[in-house]
């Protein structure tokens, strides 16, 4: 992998971190800082010394090895285990101050050997020590290493503790070196057998082509068969070429990129996002049932008697002759007293309690996500909606009006129905019309006689009987017209009530769903972000 490719991968991770909606602000900053650190390491690859660390279990001889490499005793070795409880650092005296860290957990030894001024050696405490801090020190301070030399002994080479700590460190297995110490205790055949078995164990951990040295550090200056100490020493101290140094740094960064993407995948968990999406779908279903159940009574939340209010609104637009108007008022009062068209009053607390339970579900979901919007409150939206539509001015535009044509014909019907009986009443009092009235309607003499007959008979028993009959007939006519119109208004009221309930219910449902829209958008974006991370992780793998 070339530096350009690594920088491109780091750029992709940075872009993802900046645009994602899954990580919290602090987590996003951590990822961005990590990317900058890797870029800095890559840029300083040729200007930084190679850092090589000796890591191993208790009593495998790490301190003896670094003492032999330093050609003096810089790390105490002892038969008491564990003995090394700090990190021993062996470095050139003229290194920049940045490499002389004042850390209470490190002991720095300087040397003036120019032939190894290009590297720094570290001796770490035992990772399998009974002291828990030692394992943490290995994991924390080994982050700076470029190459790890894993040291073991015939007694401990098959321990799982070494294989278990390897995945937790940041170095690529391409930069591993393995040392089997204390072969002075073994025969050549036993050494070969252990190395063969060790290769199998490493292969099972997907580690191959790593150099393995069989040495006896304590007899490093003595000539014994199969002792690779001097070969190991040359391998450690050799002056690596520029492309080798870059390759070491790059392989570690590439390994860390794979680790980082895998870590982010485990941290995010697609299951959590899917669970939120399922819960939102469930809430949608519950709101759909809520809308369906509220369609028939939603208006009763807005006014004490929405049905009657609509009926009165339509009645006020109707044009009545006064006798028909009196009959209409009588019928309406009669109907109201009988309880007709009076729906049951609905308490606003019923839907509000339901919506508050939805609020608790939604905000519990948001609590476990970096969702940045303000707290979602469907019950508050419901209260604001009810308060808004309790204003009659907000409802009137949906009611419509009785058309002028409809109003005109209804008025004409009243005139005809009311005045035709009156005309016949006066004709009856006037003694009827002459047979030639149609041929010569203007007959002054007859007209005078007609009026006199009306006046004469009006107070007669026949006139009073006719008047009483007219009043009964007009009463029935007015009641019939008013009743027919009332029924028509009731039908239109039911129709308007149904339409208005649907519109108000739909608007309420739309307002509630709009409140959930930011969370739904977040889930969709989170799923896309997670899939992008999966694709990036697969590419790295």
Protein backbone atom coordinates (compact mmCIF):
# COMPACT_ATOMS: atom_id res chain seq x y z
CA UNK A 1 0.00 0.00 0.00
CA UNK A 2 1.43 3.37 -1.04
CA UNK A 3 1.42 6.55 1.12
CA UNK A 4 -1.02 8.06 -1.35
CA UNK A 5 -3.44 5.16 -0.84
CA UNK A 6 -3.18 5.41 2.96
CA UNK A 7 -3.74 9.16 2.89
CA UNK A 8 -6.75 8.60 0.65
CA UNK A 9 -8.19 6.05 3.12
CA UNK A 10 -7.58 8.44 6.01
CA UNK A 11 -9.26 11.21 4.03
CA UNK A 12 -12.28 8.96 3.42
CA UNK A 13 -12.52 8.17 7.15
CA UNK A 14 -12.23 11.89 8.02
CA UNK A 15 -14.95 12.80 5.52
CA UNK A 16 -17.17 10.03 6.87
CA UNK A 17 -16.58 11.21 10.45
CA UNK A 18 -17.40 14.82 9.55
CA UNK A 19 -20.63 13.93 7.72
CA UNK A 20 -21.94 11.02 9.78
CA UNK A 21 -24.88 11.39 12.17
CA UNK A 22 -24.18 8.27 14.23
CA UNK A 23 -21.23 9.32 16.36
CA UNK A 24 -21.46 11.85 19.14
CA UNK A 25 -19.54 15.12 18.86
CA UNK A 26 -16.80 13.82 21.14
CA UNK A 27 -16.54 10.54 19.24
CA UNK A 28 -16.30 12.43 15.96
CA UNK A 29 -13.50 14.61 17.35
CA UNK A 30 -11.66 11.48 18.53
CA UNK A 31 -11.81 9.95 15.04
CA UNK A 32 -10.61 13.17 13.40
CA UNK A 33 -7.72 13.50 15.88
CA UNK A 34 -6.80 9.86 15.26
CA UNK A 35 -6.69 10.49 11.48
CA UNK A 36 -4.46 13.53 12.02
CA UNK A 37 -2.11 11.48 14.21
CA UNK A 38 -1.78 8.80 11.52
CA UNK A 39 -1.10 11.42 8.86
CA UNK A 40 1.56 12.97 11.10
CA UNK A 41 3.22 9.57 11.65
CA UNK A 42 3.23 8.97 7.90
CA UNK A 43 4.68 12.42 7.17
CA UNK A 44 7.44 11.98 9.79
CA UNK A 45 8.27 8.42 8.77
CA UNK A 46 11.82 9.19 7.59
CA UNK A 47 12.58 11.71 10.31
CA UNK A 48 11.67 9.50 13.26
CA UNK A 49 13.85 6.70 14.66
CA UNK A 50 12.68 3.11 14.34
CA UNK A 51 11.16 2.06 17.67
CA UNK A 52 11.58 -1.60 18.55
CA UNK A 53 10.07 -3.14 21.67
CA UNK A 54 10.73 -6.41 23.50
CA UNK A 55 7.44 -7.84 24.73
CA UNK A 56 6.99 -11.16 26.47
CA UNK A 57 5.71 -13.07 29.45
CA UNK A 58 7.16 -13.50 32.89
CA UNK A 59 10.68 -14.94 33.07
CA UNK A 60 11.34 -15.34 29.34
CA UNK A 61 14.55 -13.26 29.51
CA UNK A 62 13.64 -9.93 27.95
CA UNK A 63 15.85 -7.99 30.37
CA UNK A 64 18.78 -10.30 29.62
CA UNK A 65 18.31 -9.75 25.88
CA UNK A 66 18.24 -5.93 26.10
CA UNK A 67 21.25 -5.99 28.43
CA UNK A 68 23.18 -8.05 25.90
CA UNK A 69 22.09 -5.75 23.08
CA UNK A 70 23.10 -2.67 25.10
CA UNK A 71 26.32 -4.40 26.11
CA UNK A 72 25.71 -3.31 29.67
CA UNK A 73 23.18 -3.84 32.41
CA UNK A 74 20.34 -1.36 31.83
CA UNK A 75 17.44 -3.60 32.86
CA UNK A 76 17.62 -5.55 36.09
CA UNK A 77 17.11 -9.28 35.73
CA UNK A 78 16.21 -11.28 38.80
CA UNK A 79 14.86 -14.64 39.83
CA UNK A 80 11.93 -12.91 41.52
CA UNK A 81 9.03 -12.64 39.02
CA UNK A 82 7.98 -10.17 37.83
CA UNK A 83 10.93 -7.89 38.40
CA UNK A 84 10.77 -5.30 35.59
CA UNK A 85 7.98 -2.91 36.62
CA UNK A 86 8.90 0.03 34.39
CA UNK A 87 9.60 0.48 30.72
CA UNK A 88 13.32 0.52 29.95
CA UNK A 89 14.24 2.81 27.03
CA UNK A 90 17.62 2.59 25.30
CA UNK A 91 18.27 5.47 22.88
CA UNK A 92 20.93 7.69 21.38
CA UNK A 93 22.08 10.62 23.53
CA UNK A 94 21.66 13.30 20.85
CA UNK A 95 18.03 12.61 20.05
CA UNK A 96 15.72 15.62 20.01
CA UNK A 97 14.05 16.44 23.36
CA UNK A 98 10.76 15.13 21.96
CA UNK A 99 12.10 11.60 22.42
CA UNK A 100 13.22 12.25 26.03
CA UNK A 101 9.85 11.90 27.68
CA UNK A 102 9.65 12.70 31.36
CA UNK A 103 7.39 9.81 32.31
CA UNK A 104 7.48 8.21 35.77
CA UNK A 105 6.80 4.81 34.20
CA UNK A 106 9.86 4.90 31.91
CA UNK A 107 13.59 4.73 32.60
CA UNK A 108 15.68 6.21 29.77
CA UNK A 109 19.24 5.07 29.18
CA UNK A 110 21.33 7.09 26.71
CA UNK A 111 24.17 5.76 24.66
CA UNK A 112 26.71 7.22 22.23
CA UNK A 113 26.79 4.31 19.74
CA UNK A 114 26.30 6.03 16.39
CA UNK A 115 25.91 2.70 14.58
CA UNK A 116 22.52 2.28 16.27
CA UNK A 117 21.55 5.96 16.55
CA UNK A 118 18.70 5.33 14.11
CA UNK A 119 16.60 3.28 16.55
CA UNK A 120 15.20 3.15 20.07
CA UNK A 121 14.92 -0.07 22.06
CA UNK A 122 12.22 -0.72 24.67
CA UNK A 123 11.97 -3.42 27.32
CA UNK A 124 8.37 -3.78 28.56
CA UNK A 125 7.05 -5.33 31.78
CA UNK A 126 5.52 -8.80 31.55
CA UNK A 127 2.06 -8.76 29.95
CA UNK A 128 1.03 -11.92 31.88
CA UNK A 129 2.12 -10.53 35.22
CA UNK A 130 -0.06 -10.85 38.28
CA UNK A 131 0.06 -7.07 38.43
CA UNK A 132 -2.84 -5.82 36.19
CA UNK A 133 -1.09 -2.49 35.50
CA UNK A 134 1.67 -4.27 33.60
CA UNK A 135 -0.67 -5.48 30.86
CA UNK A 136 -2.18 -1.99 30.63
CA UNK A 137 1.31 -0.48 30.36
CA UNK A 138 2.13 -2.81 27.48
CA UNK A 139 -1.07 -1.89 25.64
CA UNK A 140 -0.70 1.86 26.30
CA UNK A 141 3.02 2.43 25.67
CA UNK A 142 3.42 -0.02 22.81
CA UNK A 143 1.34 2.30 20.58
CA UNK A 144 4.51 4.15 19.57
CA UNK A 145 6.39 1.01 18.46
CA UNK A 146 7.21 0.30 14.85
CA UNK A 147 8.44 -3.26 15.37
CA UNK A 148 7.54 -5.72 18.12
CA UNK A 149 9.89 -8.54 19.14
CA UNK A 150 7.84 -11.20 20.88
CA UNK A 151 10.04 -13.09 23.33
CA UNK A 152 9.15 -16.47 24.79
CA UNK A 153 10.80 -19.53 26.25
CA UNK A 154 10.43 -23.31 25.87
CA UNK A 155 8.07 -23.34 28.85
CA UNK A 156 5.80 -20.51 27.65
CA UNK A 157 5.82 -20.49 23.83
CA UNK A 158 2.40 -22.18 23.66
CA UNK A 159 0.72 -19.87 26.20
CA UNK A 160 -2.48 -18.34 24.85
CA UNK A 161 -1.75 -15.06 26.65
CA UNK A 162 0.64 -13.99 23.88
CA UNK A 163 -1.82 -14.80 21.11
CA UNK A 164 -4.63 -13.07 23.02
CA UNK A 165 -2.78 -9.77 23.50
CA UNK A 166 -1.61 -9.50 19.88
CA UNK A 167 -4.98 -8.34 18.42
CA UNK A 168 -5.20 -5.59 21.05
CA UNK A 169 -1.97 -3.92 19.88
CA UNK A 170 -1.73 -1.50 16.97
CA UNK A 171 1.16 -2.99 15.01
CA UNK A 172 0.78 -5.03 11.86
CA UNK A 173 1.87 -8.66 12.09
CA UNK A 174 4.18 -7.84 9.16
CA UNK A 175 6.31 -6.00 11.70
CA UNK A 176 6.47 -8.84 14.20
CA UNK A 177 9.61 -10.76 15.08
CA UNK A 178 9.59 -13.85 17.32
CA UNK A 179 12.38 -14.95 19.62
CA UNK A 180 12.61 -18.33 21.37
CA UNK A 181 15.05 -17.74 24.25
CA UNK A 182 16.81 -20.22 26.53
CA UNK A 183 17.54 -22.81 23.85
CA UNK A 184 20.59 -23.71 25.90
CA UNK A 185 18.12 -25.84 27.86
CA UNK A 186 17.13 -27.75 24.69
CA UNK A 187 18.69 -30.08 22.19
CA UNK A 188 18.77 -29.11 18.52
CA UNK A 189 15.92 -31.53 17.80
CA UNK A 190 13.80 -30.14 20.63
CA UNK A 191 14.43 -26.60 19.41
CA UNK A 192 13.37 -27.51 15.87
CA UNK A 193 10.28 -29.28 17.19
CA UNK A 194 9.21 -26.26 19.30
CA UNK A 195 9.76 -23.82 16.43
CA UNK A 196 7.74 -26.06 14.13
CA UNK A 197 4.87 -26.21 16.62
CA UNK A 198 5.15 -22.47 17.20
CA UNK A 199 4.81 -21.83 13.45
CA UNK A 200 1.58 -23.84 13.47
CA UNK A 201 0.17 -21.80 16.38
CA UNK A 202 1.10 -18.53 14.68
CA UNK A 203 -0.40 -19.73 11.40
CA UNK A 204 -3.68 -20.39 13.18
CA UNK A 205 -3.61 -16.72 14.22
CA UNK A 206 -3.01 -15.75 10.57
CA UNK A 207 0.60 -14.76 11.21
CA UNK A 208 3.01 -15.97 8.54
CA UNK A 209 6.45 -15.09 7.16
CA UNK A 210 7.50 -13.46 10.44
CA UNK A 211 11.18 -14.10 11.29
CA UNK A 212 11.78 -16.49 14.18
CA UNK A 213 15.09 -16.57 16.04
CA UNK A 214 16.15 -19.33 18.41
CA UNK A 215 18.66 -17.87 20.87
CA UNK A 216 20.31 -18.21 24.22
CA UNK A 217 20.76 -14.66 25.49
CA UNK A 218 22.62 -15.75 28.57
CA UNK A 219 25.19 -17.51 26.35
CA UNK A 220 25.18 -14.90 23.62
CA UNK A 221 28.97 -14.63 23.53
CA UNK A 222 29.54 -18.35 23.56
CA UNK A 223 29.57 -20.54 20.48
CA UNK A 224 26.76 -23.05 20.75
CA UNK A 225 24.94 -24.85 18.01
CA UNK A 226 21.84 -23.16 16.56
CA UNK A 227 22.19 -19.94 18.63
CA UNK A 228 20.81 -17.09 16.46
CA UNK A 229 21.54 -14.30 18.93
CA UNK A 230 24.12 -12.57 16.74
CA UNK A 231 21.77 -12.90 13.74
CA UNK A 232 18.98 -11.35 15.83
CA UNK A 233 21.30 -8.56 16.90
CA UNK A 234 22.19 -7.75 13.28
CA UNK A 235 18.50 -7.86 12.31
CA UNK A 236 17.62 -5.38 15.07
CA UNK A 237 20.57 -3.03 14.55
CA UNK A 238 20.65 -3.00 10.78
CA UNK A 239 20.32 0.35 9.04
CA UNK A 240 17.08 0.04 7.13
CA UNK A 241 16.64 1.75 3.79
CA UNK A 242 14.11 4.49 3.22
CA UNK A 243 11.61 2.26 1.44
CA UNK A 244 11.87 -0.31 4.25
CA UNK A 245 11.19 2.34 6.90
CA UNK A 246 8.23 3.68 4.92
CA UNK A 247 6.92 0.15 4.46
CA UNK A 248 7.10 -0.49 8.22
CA UNK A 249 5.24 2.72 9.07
CA UNK A 250 2.67 2.21 6.31
CA UNK A 251 1.86 -1.38 7.22
CA UNK A 252 1.22 -0.32 10.84
CA UNK A 253 -1.01 2.56 9.78
CA UNK A 254 -2.86 0.31 7.33
CA UNK A 255 -3.40 -2.21 10.13
CA UNK A 256 -4.68 0.53 12.43
CA UNK A 257 -7.10 1.74 9.75
CA UNK A 258 -8.57 -1.76 9.57
CA UNK A 259 -8.73 -1.88 13.36
CA UNK A 260 -10.40 1.54 13.49
CA UNK A 261 -13.09 0.70 10.96
CA UNK A 262 -13.82 -2.58 12.73
CA UNK A 263 -13.94 -0.77 16.06
CA UNK A 264 -16.39 1.80 14.69
CA UNK A 265 -18.58 -0.97 13.29
CA UNK A 266 -18.69 -2.70 16.67
CA UNK A 267 -19.28 0.60 18.44
CA UNK A 268 -22.18 1.63 16.21
CA UNK A 269 -24.06 -1.66 15.86
CA UNK A 270 -26.44 -1.87 12.93
CA UNK A 271 -28.88 -3.71 15.20
CA UNK A 272 -29.40 -0.56 17.29
CA UNK A 273 -30.31 1.48 14.18
CA UNK A 274 -32.63 -1.27 12.92
CA UNK A 275 -34.34 -1.45 16.31
CA UNK A 276 -35.01 2.30 16.23
CA UNK A 277 -36.44 2.00 12.72
CA UNK A 278 -38.75 -0.84 13.83
CA UNK A 279 -39.93 1.22 16.82
CA UNK A 280 -40.66 4.20 14.57
CA UNK A 281 -42.72 1.97 12.26
CA UNK A 282 -44.62 0.70 15.29
CA UNK A 283 -45.29 4.30 16.40
CA UNK A 284 -46.52 5.08 12.87
CA UNK A 285 -48.98 2.19 13.12
CA UNK A 286 -50.18 3.38 16.53
CA UNK A 287 -50.67 6.93 15.21
CA UNK A 288 -52.61 5.56 12.21
CA UNK A 289 -54.96 3.73 14.60
CA UNK A 290 -55.18 6.90 16.71
CA UNK A 291 -56.16 8.95 13.64
CA UNK A 292 -58.77 6.40 12.61
CA UNK A 293 -60.32 6.34 16.07
CA UNK A 294 -60.30 10.13 16.42
CA UNK A 295 -61.82 10.96 13.04
CA UNK A 296 -65.37 10.72 14.33
CA UNK A 297 -64.89 12.76 17.49
CA UNK A 298 -61.91 15.03 16.91
CA UNK A 299 -64.20 18.07 16.52
CA UNK A 300 -65.66 17.47 19.96
CA UNK A 301 -62.24 18.31 21.35
CA UNK A 302 -62.44 21.73 19.74
CA UNK A 303 -65.88 22.82 20.93
CA UNK A 304 -68.48 21.61 23.38
CA UNK A 305 -70.92 20.74 20.57
CA UNK A 306 -69.31 20.91 17.14
CA UNK A 307 -72.26 19.26 15.40
CA UNK A 308 -74.73 21.86 16.72
CA UNK A 309 -72.33 24.69 15.94
CA UNK A 310 -72.08 23.63 12.30
CA UNK A 311 -75.88 23.30 12.08
CA UNK A 312 -76.34 26.78 13.53
CA UNK A 313 -73.75 28.19 11.15
CA UNK A 314 -75.63 26.80 8.14
CA UNK A 315 -78.99 27.92 9.56
CA UNK A 316 -77.75 31.49 9.91
CA UNK A 317 -77.03 31.53 6.18
CA UNK A 318 -80.56 30.40 5.32
CA UNK A 319 -83.13 33.05 4.26
CA UNK A 320 -86.58 32.54 5.76
CA UNK A 321 -89.95 34.25 5.52
CA UNK A 322 -90.78 35.08 9.09
CA UNK A 323 -93.48 32.39 9.56
CA UNK A 324 -91.16 29.72 8.12
CA UNK A 325 -88.34 31.13 10.26
CA UNK A 326 -90.48 30.80 13.38
CA UNK A 327 -91.36 27.24 12.44
CA UNK A 328 -87.65 26.46 11.84
CA UNK A 329 -86.69 27.84 15.27
CA UNK A 330 -89.45 25.78 16.85
CA UNK A 331 -88.30 22.55 15.16
CA UNK A 332 -84.63 23.21 15.99
CA UNK A 333 -85.44 23.85 19.64
CA UNK A 334 -87.61 20.74 19.73
CA UNK A 335 -84.82 18.64 18.22
CA UNK A 336 -82.23 20.07 20.61
CA UNK A 337 -84.38 19.37 23.64
CA UNK A 338 -84.91 15.82 22.48
CA UNK A 339 -81.10 15.33 22.42
CA UNK A 340 -80.90 14.50 18.72
CA UNK A 341 -77.49 15.02 17.04
CA UNK A 342 -75.78 15.57 20.36
CA UNK A 343 -72.58 13.44 20.36
CA UNK A 344 -70.85 12.34 23.53
CA UNK A 345 -68.29 14.80 24.87
CA UNK A 346 -64.70 13.54 24.55
CA UNK A 347 -62.11 14.43 27.15
CA UNK A 348 -58.85 15.82 25.69
CA UNK A 349 -56.96 13.88 28.35
CA UNK A 350 -57.67 10.58 26.59
CA UNK A 351 -55.58 11.25 23.43
CA UNK A 352 -53.10 13.37 25.42
CA UNK A 353 -52.27 10.43 27.70
CA UNK A 354 -51.74 8.22 24.65
CA UNK A 355 -49.43 10.78 23.01
CA UNK A 356 -47.43 11.20 26.21
CA UNK A 357 -46.75 7.47 26.19
CA UNK A 358 -45.50 7.85 22.59
CA UNK A 359 -43.31 10.77 23.73
CA UNK A 360 -41.68 8.55 26.34
CA UNK A 361 -40.90 5.89 23.73
CA UNK A 362 -39.47 8.40 21.23
CA UNK A 363 -37.32 10.30 23.72
CA UNK A 364 -36.02 7.06 25.20
CA UNK A 365 -34.83 6.11 21.70
CA UNK A 366 -33.24 9.54 21.18
CA UNK A 367 -31.49 9.33 24.55
CA UNK A 368 -29.31 6.47 23.29
CA UNK A 369 -28.41 8.16 20.00
CA UNK A 370 -26.50 11.33 19.05
CA UNK A 371 -29.74 12.67 17.56
CA UNK A 372 -29.23 16.44 17.83
CA UNK A 373 -32.81 17.77 17.55
CA UNK A 374 -34.73 19.20 20.48
CA UNK A 375 -36.87 16.87 22.54
CA UNK A 376 -39.85 15.59 20.56
CA UNK A 377 -43.22 16.20 22.25
CA UNK A 378 -46.28 14.93 20.38
CA UNK A 379 -48.52 15.78 23.34
CA UNK A 380 -47.40 19.42 23.17
CA UNK A 381 -48.13 19.52 19.44
CA UNK A 382 -51.57 18.07 20.19
CA UNK A 383 -52.28 20.76 22.81
CA UNK A 384 -51.16 23.56 20.47
CA UNK A 385 -53.30 22.11 17.69
CA UNK A 386 -56.40 21.96 19.87
CA UNK A 387 -55.86 25.52 21.13
CA UNK A 388 -55.39 26.77 17.57
CA UNK A 389 -58.53 25.18 16.13
CA UNK A 390 -60.76 26.14 19.05
CA UNK A 391 -60.79 29.56 17.39
CA UNK A 392 -63.92 29.55 15.20
CA UNK A 393 -62.10 31.63 12.56
CA UNK A 394 -59.87 28.64 11.86
CA UNK A 395 -62.85 26.35 11.23
CA UNK A 396 -65.17 28.59 9.19
CA UNK A 397 -63.15 28.41 5.92
CA UNK A 398 -63.74 24.65 5.84
CA UNK A 399 -67.53 24.90 6.27
CA UNK A 400 -68.38 26.57 3.00
CA UNK A 401 -71.57 28.51 2.31
CA UNK A 402 -75.06 27.87 0.94
CA UNK A 403 -75.06 28.88 -2.71
CA UNK A 404 -77.03 31.95 -3.80
CA UNK A 405 -78.98 29.88 -6.31
CA UNK A 406 -79.98 27.40 -3.63
CA UNK A 407 -81.00 30.23 -1.30
CA UNK A 408 -83.05 32.00 -4.04
CA UNK A 409 -85.08 28.91 -4.98
CA UNK A 410 -85.71 28.11 -1.34
CA UNK A 411 -87.02 31.65 -0.79
CA UNK A 412 -89.25 31.41 -3.88
CA UNK A 413 -90.63 28.13 -2.63
CA UNK A 414 -91.57 29.77 0.66
CA UNK A 415 -93.32 32.64 -1.10
CA UNK A 416 -95.35 30.33 -3.27
CA UNK A 417 -96.22 27.90 -0.50
CA UNK A 418 -97.20 30.64 1.95
CA UNK A 419 -99.08 33.08 -0.32
CA UNK A 420 -101.08 30.68 -2.54
CA UNK A 421 -103.40 29.66 0.37
CA UNK A 422 -103.76 33.36 1.30
CA UNK A 423 -104.79 34.20 -2.26
CA UNK A 424 -107.43 31.45 -2.25
CA UNK A 425 -108.58 32.67 1.16
CA UNK A 426 -109.28 36.16 -0.16
CA UNK A 427 -110.91 34.78 -3.34
CA UNK A 428 -113.19 32.74 -1.11
CA UNK A 429 -114.12 35.81 0.97
CA UNK A 430 -114.67 37.90 -2.16
CA UNK A 431 -117.24 35.45 -3.53
CA UNK A 432 -115.09 33.97 -6.24
CA UNK A 433 -114.08 35.28 -9.66
CA UNK A 434 -116.53 35.91 -12.58
CA UNK A 435 -116.52 33.48 -15.49
CA UNK A 436 -115.28 36.15 -17.91
CA UNK A 437 -112.50 37.35 -15.54
CA UNK A 438 -109.80 36.06 -17.81
CA UNK A 439 -111.30 37.82 -20.86
CA UNK A 440 -111.82 41.15 -19.11
CA UNK A 441 -109.83 41.15 -15.87
CA UNK A 442 -110.18 44.91 -15.31
CA UNK A 443 -113.79 45.36 -14.21
CA UNK A 444 -114.07 48.23 -11.76
CA UNK A 445 -117.61 47.44 -10.68
CA UNK A 446 -116.79 43.84 -9.89
CA UNK A 447 -113.61 44.84 -8.09
CA UNK A 448 -115.51 47.12 -5.77
CA UNK A 449 -118.05 44.40 -5.08
CA UNK A 450 -115.18 41.92 -4.44
CA UNK A 451 -113.60 44.14 -1.80
CA UNK A 452 -116.91 44.82 -0.14
CA UNK A 453 -117.61 41.08 0.08
CA UNK A 454 -114.21 40.49 1.71
CA UNK A 455 -114.84 43.20 4.30
CA UNK A 456 -118.40 42.02 4.89
CA UNK A 457 -117.58 38.33 5.28
CA UNK A 458 -114.24 38.76 7.13
CA UNK A 459 -115.99 39.19 10.49
CA UNK A 460 -118.80 36.78 9.63
CA UNK A 461 -118.77 33.22 10.87
CA UNK A 462 -117.75 32.02 7.40
CA UNK A 463 -114.80 34.41 7.33
CA UNK A 464 -113.64 33.47 10.79
CA UNK A 465 -113.88 29.78 9.90
CA UNK A 466 -111.93 30.39 6.71
CA UNK A 467 -109.36 32.43 8.67
CA UNK A 468 -108.92 29.65 11.22
CA UNK A 469 -108.57 27.09 8.42
CA UNK A 470 -105.99 29.32 6.71
CA UNK A 471 -103.97 29.58 9.91
CA UNK A 472 -103.97 25.80 10.31
CA UNK A 473 -103.01 25.29 6.69
CA UNK A 474 -100.24 27.92 6.87
CA UNK A 475 -98.95 26.40 10.11
CA UNK A 476 -98.67 22.97 8.52
CA UNK A 477 -97.13 24.45 5.38
CA UNK A 478 -94.54 26.40 7.39
CA UNK A 479 -93.77 23.40 9.59
CA UNK A 480 -93.42 21.20 6.52
CA UNK A 481 -91.09 23.64 4.76
CA UNK A 482 -89.09 24.27 7.94
CA UNK A 483 -88.91 20.53 8.71
CA UNK A 484 -87.79 19.69 5.19
CA UNK A 485 -85.16 22.42 5.32
CA UNK A 486 -84.06 21.34 8.80
CA UNK A 487 -83.57 17.77 7.58
CA UNK A 488 -81.64 19.09 4.62
CA UNK A 489 -79.47 21.19 6.93
CA UNK A 490 -78.97 18.14 9.16
CA UNK A 491 -77.81 16.07 6.18
CA UNK A 492 -75.50 18.86 5.07
CA UNK A 493 -74.29 19.25 8.67
CA UNK A 494 -73.47 15.54 8.87
CA UNK A 495 -71.66 15.75 5.55
CA UNK A 496 -69.68 18.84 6.61
CA UNK A 497 -69.00 17.34 10.03
CA UNK A 498 -67.58 14.21 8.43
CA UNK A 499 -65.46 16.14 5.92
CA UNK A 500 -64.27 18.60 8.52
CA UNK A 501 -63.43 15.78 10.95
CA UNK A 502 -61.36 14.11 8.24
CA UNK A 503 -59.53 17.32 7.39
CA UNK A 504 -58.81 18.26 10.99
CA UNK A 505 -57.82 14.68 11.84
CA UNK A 506 -55.52 14.51 8.82
CA UNK A 507 -53.94 17.81 9.75
CA UNK A 508 -53.39 16.63 13.32
CA UNK A 509 -51.92 13.36 12.09
CA UNK A 510 -49.71 15.25 9.63
CA UNK A 511 -48.45 17.53 12.41
CA UNK A 512 -47.62 14.55 14.61
CA UNK A 513 -45.86 12.69 11.80
CA UNK A 514 -43.92 15.82 10.83
CA UNK A 515 -42.60 15.98 14.38
CA UNK A 516 -41.16 12.48 13.90
CA UNK A 517 -39.69 13.32 10.48
CA UNK A 518 -36.30 14.57 11.78
CA UNK A 519 -35.83 11.31 13.70
CA UNK A 520 -36.81 9.27 10.63
CA UNK A 521 -34.38 11.26 8.49
CA UNK A 522 -31.69 10.64 11.09
CA UNK A 523 -32.32 6.88 10.99
CA UNK A 524 -32.15 6.83 7.17
CA UNK A 525 -28.91 8.82 7.21
CA UNK A 526 -27.51 6.61 9.99
CA UNK A 527 -28.20 3.48 7.95
CA UNK A 528 -26.45 4.98 4.93
CA UNK A 529 -23.51 6.04 7.12
CA UNK A 530 -23.27 2.57 8.61
CA UNK A 531 -23.35 0.96 5.17
CA UNK A 532 -20.60 3.34 4.01
CA UNK A 533 -18.53 2.27 7.01
CA UNK A 534 -19.17 -1.40 6.20
CA UNK A 535 -18.07 -0.86 2.60
CA UNK A 536 -14.93 0.96 3.75
CA UNK A 537 -14.18 -1.80 6.27
CA UNK A 538 -14.62 -4.48 3.59
CA UNK A 539 -12.32 -2.61 1.23
CA UNK A 540 -9.65 -2.40 3.92
CA UNK A 541 -10.04 -6.08 4.70
